[in-house]
Amino acid sequence: MDAELLPQCSAKGCRASAVWALHWNNPKLHTPEYRKIWLACDDHRESLGTFLELRGFLREVTAFGAIS
């Protein structure tokens, strides 16, 4: 598979492989059951999660392969 098509971390400028899935929604814009997903590498899982959590958007963090 082409390396550019592999799932990558959502952090700006990061090209590391995705390891985590951060499920989130903005309650002002989305229905309660709707989820958006940011992917994160091990290095950015905490910073991306903190960004979402401070805004009240983070709903769940799962291993990337566990996305259903």
PDB file of N, CA and C in Angstrom:
ATOM      1  N   MET A   1       0.853  -1.175   0.000  1.00  0.00           N
ATOM      2  CA  MET A   1       0.000   0.000   0.000  1.00  0.00           C
ATOM      3  C   MET A   1       0.899   1.239   0.000  1.00  0.00           C
ATOM      4  N   ASP A   2       0.506   2.259  -0.704  1.00  0.00           N
ATOM      5  CA  ASP A   2       1.228   3.518  -0.783  1.00  0.00           C
ATOM      6  C   ASP A   2       1.265   4.171   0.600  1.00  0.00           C
ATOM      7  N   ALA A   3       2.454   4.588   1.044  1.00  0.00           N
ATOM      8  CA  ALA A   3       2.619   5.178   2.376  1.00  0.00           C
ATOM      9  C   ALA A   3       1.732   6.408   2.579  1.00  0.00           C
ATOM     10  N   GLU A   4       1.449   7.166   1.524  1.00  0.00           N
ATOM     11  CA  GLU A   4       0.616   8.356   1.655  1.00  0.00           C
ATOM     12  C   GLU A   4      -0.840   8.010   1.955  1.00  0.00           C
ATOM     13  N   LEU A   5      -1.242   6.761   1.705  1.00  0.00           N
ATOM     14  CA  LEU A   5      -2.622   6.359   1.928  1.00  0.00           C
ATOM     15  C   LEU A   5      -2.836   5.712   3.295  1.00  0.00           C
ATOM     16  N   LEU A   6      -1.756   5.441   4.022  1.00  0.00           N
ATOM     17  CA  LEU A   6      -1.887   4.859   5.349  1.00  0.00           C
ATOM     18  C   LEU A   6      -2.433   5.900   6.314  1.00  0.00           C
ATOM     19  N   PRO A   7      -3.292   5.486   7.241  1.00  0.00           N
ATOM     20  CA  PRO A   7      -3.843   6.436   8.213  1.00  0.00           C
ATOM     21  C   PRO A   7      -2.736   7.086   9.043  1.00  0.00           C
ATOM     22  N   GLN A   8      -2.782   8.411   9.102  1.00  0.00           N
ATOM     23  CA  GLN A   8      -1.753   9.181   9.798  1.00  0.00           C
ATOM     24  C   GLN A   8      -2.365   9.983  10.939  1.00  0.00           C
ATOM     25  N   CYS A   9      -1.507  10.367  11.846  1.00  0.00           N
ATOM     26  CA  CYS A   9      -1.891  11.218  12.976  1.00  0.00           C
ATOM     27  C   CYS A   9      -2.508  12.519  12.466  1.00  0.00           C
ATOM     28  N   SER A  10      -3.507  13.015  13.172  1.00  0.00           N
ATOM     29  CA  SER A  10      -4.189  14.260  12.798  1.00  0.00           C
ATOM     30  C   SER A  10      -3.479  15.517  13.283  1.00  0.00           C
ATOM     31  N   ALA A  11      -2.434  15.378  14.094  1.00  0.00           N
ATOM     32  CA  ALA A  11      -1.703  16.550  14.581  1.00  0.00           C
ATOM     33  C   ALA A  11      -1.038  17.266  13.409  1.00  0.00           C
ATOM     34  N   LYS A  12      -1.063  18.578  13.449  1.00  0.00           N
ATOM     35  CA  LYS A  12      -0.510  19.383  12.364  1.00  0.00           C
ATOM     36  C   LYS A  12       0.958  19.024  12.110  1.00  0.00           C
ATOM     37  N   GLY A  13       1.257  18.674  10.864  1.00  0.00           N
ATOM     38  CA  GLY A  13       2.617  18.371  10.449  1.00  0.00           C
ATOM     39  C   GLY A  13       3.109  16.976  10.796  1.00  0.00           C
ATOM     40  N   CYS A  14       2.330  16.199  11.523  1.00  0.00           N
ATOM     41  CA  CYS A  14       2.760  14.854  11.910  1.00  0.00           C
ATOM     42  C   CYS A  14       2.380  13.861  10.823  1.00  0.00           C
ATOM     43  N   ARG A  15       3.299  12.997  10.479  1.00  0.00           N
ATOM     44  CA  ARG A  15       3.047  11.977   9.466  1.00  0.00           C
ATOM     45  C   ARG A  15       3.197  10.574  10.035  1.00  0.00           C
ATOM     46  N   ALA A  16       3.203  10.471  11.367  1.00  0.00           N
ATOM     47  CA  ALA A  16       3.340   9.167  12.027  1.00  0.00           C
ATOM     48  C   ALA A  16       2.062   8.344  11.831  1.00  0.00           C
ATOM     49  N   SER A  17       2.206   7.062  11.927  1.00  0.00           N
ATOM     50  CA  SER A  17       1.056   6.157  11.788  1.00  0.00           C
ATOM     51  C   SER A  17       0.066   6.366  12.931  1.00  0.00           C
ATOM     52  N   ALA A  18      -1.199   6.221  12.611  1.00  0.00           N
ATOM     53  CA  ALA A  18      -2.257   6.352  13.606  1.00  0.00           C
ATOM     54  C   ALA A  18      -2.260   5.139  14.526  1.00  0.00           C
ATOM     55  N   VAL A  19      -2.389   5.388  15.815  1.00  0.00           N
ATOM     56  CA  VAL A  19      -2.462   4.334  16.824  1.00  0.00           C
ATOM     57  C   VAL A  19      -3.755   4.472  17.630  1.00  0.00           C
ATOM     58  N   TRP A  20      -4.229   5.694  17.792  1.00  0.00           N
ATOM     59  CA  TRP A  20      -5.396   6.000  18.612  1.00  0.00           C
ATOM     60  C   TRP A  20      -6.477   6.685  17.787  1.00  0.00           C
ATOM     61  N   ALA A  21      -7.726   6.474  18.181  1.00  0.00           N
ATOM     62  CA  ALA A  21      -8.871   7.162  17.586  1.00  0.00           C
ATOM     63  C   ALA A  21      -9.547   7.966  18.689  1.00  0.00           C
ATOM     64  N   LEU A  22      -9.610   9.279  18.512  1.00  0.00           N
ATOM     65  CA  LEU A  22     -10.260  10.161  19.478  1.00  0.00           C
ATOM     66  C   LEU A  22     -11.636  10.522  18.925  1.00  0.00           C
ATOM     67  N   HIS A  23     -12.668  10.021  19.559  1.00  0.00           N
ATOM     68  CA  HIS A  23     -14.046  10.235  19.121  1.00  0.00           C
ATOM     69  C   HIS A  23     -14.562  11.488  19.819  1.00  0.00           C
ATOM     70  N   TRP A  24     -15.109  12.406  19.043  1.00  0.00           N
ATOM     71  CA  TRP A  24     -15.549  13.665  19.635  1.00  0.00           C
ATOM     72  C   TRP A  24     -16.737  14.234  18.877  1.00  0.00           C
ATOM     73  N   ASN A  25     -17.387  15.199  19.501  1.00  0.00           N
ATOM     74  CA  ASN A  25     -18.394  16.001  18.813  1.00  0.00           C
ATOM     75  C   ASN A  25     -18.515  17.346  19.504  1.00  0.00           C
ATOM     76  N   ASN A  26     -18.977  18.312  18.763  1.00  0.00           N
ATOM     77  CA  ASN A  26     -19.236  19.648  19.300  1.00  0.00           C
ATOM     78  C   ASN A  26     -20.738  19.714  19.565  1.00  0.00           C
ATOM     79  N   PRO A  27     -21.143  19.741  20.829  1.00  0.00           N
ATOM     80  CA  PRO A  27     -22.580  19.707  21.130  1.00  0.00           C
ATOM     81  C   PRO A  27     -23.368  20.901  20.590  1.00  0.00           C
ATOM     82  N   LYS A  28     -22.691  21.986  20.253  1.00  0.00           N
ATOM     83  CA  LYS A  28     -23.390  23.135  19.660  1.00  0.00           C
ATOM     84  C   LYS A  28     -23.714  22.896  18.182  1.00  0.00           C
ATOM     85  N   LEU A  29     -22.989  21.950  17.556  1.00  0.00           N
ATOM     86  CA  LEU A  29     -23.171  21.691  16.130  1.00  0.00           C
ATOM     87  C   LEU A  29     -23.723  20.310  15.805  1.00  0.00           C
ATOM     88  N   HIS A  30     -23.446  19.330  16.656  1.00  0.00           N
ATOM     89  CA  HIS A  30     -23.764  17.940  16.348  1.00  0.00           C
ATOM     90  C   HIS A  30     -24.795  17.366  17.317  1.00  0.00           C
ATOM     91  N   THR A  31     -25.543  16.379  16.834  1.00  0.00           N
ATOM     92  CA  THR A  31     -26.454  15.657  17.702  1.00  0.00           C
ATOM     93  C   THR A  31     -25.626  14.829  18.683  1.00  0.00           C
ATOM     94  N   PRO A  32     -26.188  14.462  19.848  1.00  0.00           N
ATOM     95  CA  PRO A  32     -25.412  13.751  20.876  1.00  0.00           C
ATOM     96  C   PRO A  32     -24.766  12.452  20.403  1.00  0.00           C
ATOM     97  N   GLU A  33     -25.408  11.727  19.497  1.00  0.00           N
ATOM     98  CA  GLU A  33     -24.858  10.441  19.051  1.00  0.00           C
ATOM     99  C   GLU A  33     -23.823  10.571  17.928  1.00  0.00           C
ATOM    100  N   TYR A  34     -23.738  11.729  17.288  1.00  0.00           N
ATOM    101  CA  TYR A  34     -22.799  11.936  16.186  1.00  0.00           C
ATOM    102  C   TYR A  34     -21.366  11.962  16.708  1.00  0.00           C
ATOM    103  N   ARG A  35     -20.444  11.331  15.985  1.00  0.00           N
ATOM    104  CA  ARG A  35     -19.027  11.330  16.368  1.00  0.00           C
ATOM    105  C   ARG A  35     -18.145  11.661  15.175  1.00  0.00           C
ATOM    106  N   LYS A  36     -17.204  12.538  15.404  1.00  0.00           N
ATOM    107  CA  LYS A  36     -16.117  12.784  14.470  1.00  0.00           C
ATOM    108  C   LYS A  36     -14.915  12.060  15.055  1.00  0.00           C
ATOM    109  N   ILE A  37     -13.923  11.768  14.244  1.00  0.00           N
ATOM    110  CA  ILE A  37     -12.762  11.031  14.731  1.00  0.00           C
ATOM    111  C   ILE A  37     -11.486  11.712  14.276  1.00  0.00           C
ATOM    112  N   TRP A  38     -10.622  11.974  15.239  1.00  0.00           N
ATOM    113  CA  TRP A  38      -9.248  12.383  14.958  1.00  0.00           C
ATOM    114  C   TRP A  38      -8.371  11.179  15.240  1.00  0.00           C
ATOM    115  N   LEU A  39      -7.378  10.969  14.410  1.00  0.00           N
ATOM    116  CA  LEU A  39      -6.409   9.903  14.631  1.00  0.00           C
ATOM    117  C   LEU A  39      -5.181  10.491  15.301  1.00  0.00           C
ATOM    118  N   ALA A  40      -4.534   9.696  16.142  1.00  0.00           N
ATOM    119  CA  ALA A  40      -3.354  10.184  16.859  1.00  0.00           C
ATOM    120  C   ALA A  40      -2.285   9.106  16.941  1.00  0.00           C
ATOM    121  N   CYS A  41      -1.031   9.539  16.879  1.00  0.00           N
ATOM    122  CA  CYS A  41       0.097   8.659  17.157  1.00  0.00           C
ATOM    123  C   CYS A  41       0.290   8.655  18.674  1.00  0.00           C
ATOM    124  N   ASP A  42       1.200   7.823  19.169  1.00  0.00           N
ATOM    125  CA  ASP A  42       1.453   7.795  20.614  1.00  0.00           C
ATOM    126  C   ASP A  42       1.918   9.152  21.139  1.00  0.00           C
ATOM    127  N   ASP A  43       2.723   9.870  20.353  1.00  0.00           N
ATOM    128  CA  ASP A  43       3.268  11.154  20.799  1.00  0.00           C
ATOM    129  C   ASP A  43       2.206  12.253  20.916  1.00  0.00           C
ATOM    130  N   HIS A  44       1.150  12.186  20.117  1.00  0.00           N
ATOM    131  CA  HIS A  44       0.150  13.259  20.103  1.00  0.00           C
ATOM    132  C   HIS A  44      -1.191  12.877  20.725  1.00  0.00           C
ATOM    133  N   ARG A  45      -1.325  11.677  21.222  1.00  0.00           N
ATOM    134  CA  ARG A  45      -2.594  11.245  21.816  1.00  0.00           C
ATOM    135  C   ARG A  45      -2.992  12.161  22.974  1.00  0.00           C
ATOM    136  N   GLU A  46      -2.056  12.491  23.845  1.00  0.00           N
ATOM    137  CA  GLU A  46      -2.376  13.320  25.002  1.00  0.00           C
ATOM    138  C   GLU A  46      -2.692  14.763  24.602  1.00  0.00           C
ATOM    139  N   SER A  47      -1.894  15.364  23.730  1.00  0.00           N
ATOM    140  CA  SER A  47      -2.120  16.765  23.372  1.00  0.00           C
ATOM    141  C   SER A  47      -3.423  16.951  22.587  1.00  0.00           C
ATOM    142  N   LEU A  48      -3.715  16.047  21.654  1.00  0.00           N
ATOM    143  CA  LEU A  48      -4.977  16.156  20.917  1.00  0.00           C
ATOM    144  C   LEU A  48      -6.161  15.894  21.848  1.00  0.00           C
ATOM    145  N   GLY A  49      -6.016  14.918  22.743  1.00  0.00           N
ATOM    146  CA  GLY A  49      -7.079  14.630  23.695  1.00  0.00           C
ATOM    147  C   GLY A  49      -7.336  15.787  24.634  1.00  0.00           C
ATOM    148  N   THR A  50      -6.274  16.422  25.118  1.00  0.00           N
ATOM    149  CA  THR A  50      -6.412  17.582  26.005  1.00  0.00           C
ATOM    150  C   THR A  50      -7.106  18.732  25.288  1.00  0.00           C
ATOM    151  N   PHE A  51      -6.732  18.990  24.042  1.00  0.00           N
ATOM    152  CA  PHE A  51      -7.362  20.044  23.247  1.00  0.00           C
ATOM    153  C   PHE A  51      -8.874  19.833  23.185  1.00  0.00           C
ATOM    154  N   LEU A  52      -9.288  18.608  22.878  1.00  0.00           N
ATOM    155  CA  LEU A  52     -10.718  18.302  22.768  1.00  0.00           C
ATOM    156  C   LEU A  52     -11.407  18.320  24.138  1.00  0.00           C
ATOM    157  N   GLU A  53     -10.738  17.778  25.135  1.00  0.00           N
ATOM    158  CA  GLU A  53     -11.329  17.694  26.461  1.00  0.00           C
ATOM    159  C   GLU A  53     -11.561  19.070  27.089  1.00  0.00           C
ATOM    160  N   LEU A  54     -10.626  19.984  26.911  1.00  0.00           N
ATOM    161  CA  LEU A  54     -10.783  21.340  27.460  1.00  0.00           C
ATOM    162  C   LEU A  54     -12.009  22.047  26.889  1.00  0.00           C
ATOM    163  N   ARG A  55     -12.411  21.680  25.693  1.00  0.00           N
ATOM    164  CA  ARG A  55     -13.567  22.288  25.041  1.00  0.00           C
ATOM    165  C   ARG A  55     -14.853  21.495  25.298  1.00  0.00           C
ATOM    166  N   GLY A  56     -14.733  20.384  26.004  1.00  0.00           N
ATOM    167  CA  GLY A  56     -15.902  19.547  26.276  1.00  0.00           C
ATOM    168  C   GLY A  56     -16.326  18.713  25.089  1.00  0.00           C
ATOM    169  N   PHE A  57     -15.418  18.465  24.153  1.00  0.00           N
ATOM    170  CA  PHE A  57     -15.758  17.740  22.926  1.00  0.00           C
ATOM    171  C   PHE A  57     -15.404  16.249  22.977  1.00  0.00           C
ATOM    172  N   LEU A  58     -14.406  15.864  23.751  1.00  0.00           N
ATOM    173  CA  LEU A  58     -13.922  14.478  23.748  1.00  0.00           C
ATOM    174  C   LEU A  58     -14.966  13.550  24.350  1.00  0.00           C
ATOM    175  N   ARG A  59     -15.278  12.484  23.640  1.00  0.00           N
ATOM    176  CA  ARG A  59     -16.267  11.510  24.102  1.00  0.00           C
ATOM    177  C   ARG A  59     -15.636  10.170  24.451  1.00  0.00           C
ATOM    178  N   GLU A  60     -14.630   9.726  23.671  1.00  0.00           N
ATOM    179  CA  GLU A  60     -14.034   8.415  23.894  1.00  0.00           C
ATOM    180  C   GLU A  60     -12.717   8.324  23.154  1.00  0.00           C
ATOM    181  N   VAL A  61     -11.788   7.540  23.697  1.00  0.00           N
ATOM    182  CA  VAL A  61     -10.522   7.241  23.036  1.00  0.00           C
ATOM    183  C   VAL A  61     -10.409   5.739  22.927  1.00  0.00           C
ATOM    184  N   THR A  62     -10.164   5.250  21.705  1.00  0.00           N
ATOM    185  CA  THR A  62     -10.013   3.820  21.477  1.00  0.00           C
ATOM    186  C   THR A  62      -8.748   3.569  20.663  1.00  0.00           C
ATOM    187  N   ALA A  63      -8.302   2.336  20.692  1.00  0.00           N
ATOM    188  CA  ALA A  63      -7.215   1.938  19.807  1.00  0.00           C
ATOM    189  C   ALA A  63      -7.700   2.109  18.375  1.00  0.00           C
ATOM    190  N   PHE A  64      -6.835   2.554  17.468  1.00  0.00           N
ATOM    191  CA  PHE A  64      -7.250   2.840  16.092  1.00  0.00           C
ATOM    192  C   PHE A  64      -7.928   1.645  15.438  1.00  0.00           C
ATOM    193  N   GLY A  65      -7.412   0.464  15.614  1.00  0.00           N
ATOM    194  CA  GLY A  65      -8.001  -0.726  14.994  1.00  0.00           C
ATOM    195  C   GLY A  65      -9.364  -1.089  15.536  1.00  0.00           C
ATOM    196  N   ALA A  66      -9.791  -0.461  16.633  1.00  0.00           N
ATOM    197  CA  ALA A  66     -11.069  -0.787  17.264  1.00  0.00           C
ATOM    198  C   ALA A  66     -12.226   0.041  16.724  1.00  0.00           C
ATOM    199  N   ILE A  67     -11.972   0.919  15.746  1.00  0.00           N
ATOM    200  CA  ILE A  67     -13.055   1.737  15.183  1.00  0.00           C
ATOM    201  C   ILE A  67     -14.067   0.828  14.520  1.00  0.00           C
ATOM    202  N   SER A  68     -15.331   1.034  14.859  1.00  0.00           N
ATOM    203  CA  SER A  68     -16.384   0.212  14.247  1.00  0.00           C
ATOM    204  C   SER A  68     -17.286   1.039  13.383  1.00  0.00           C
TER     205      SER A  68
END
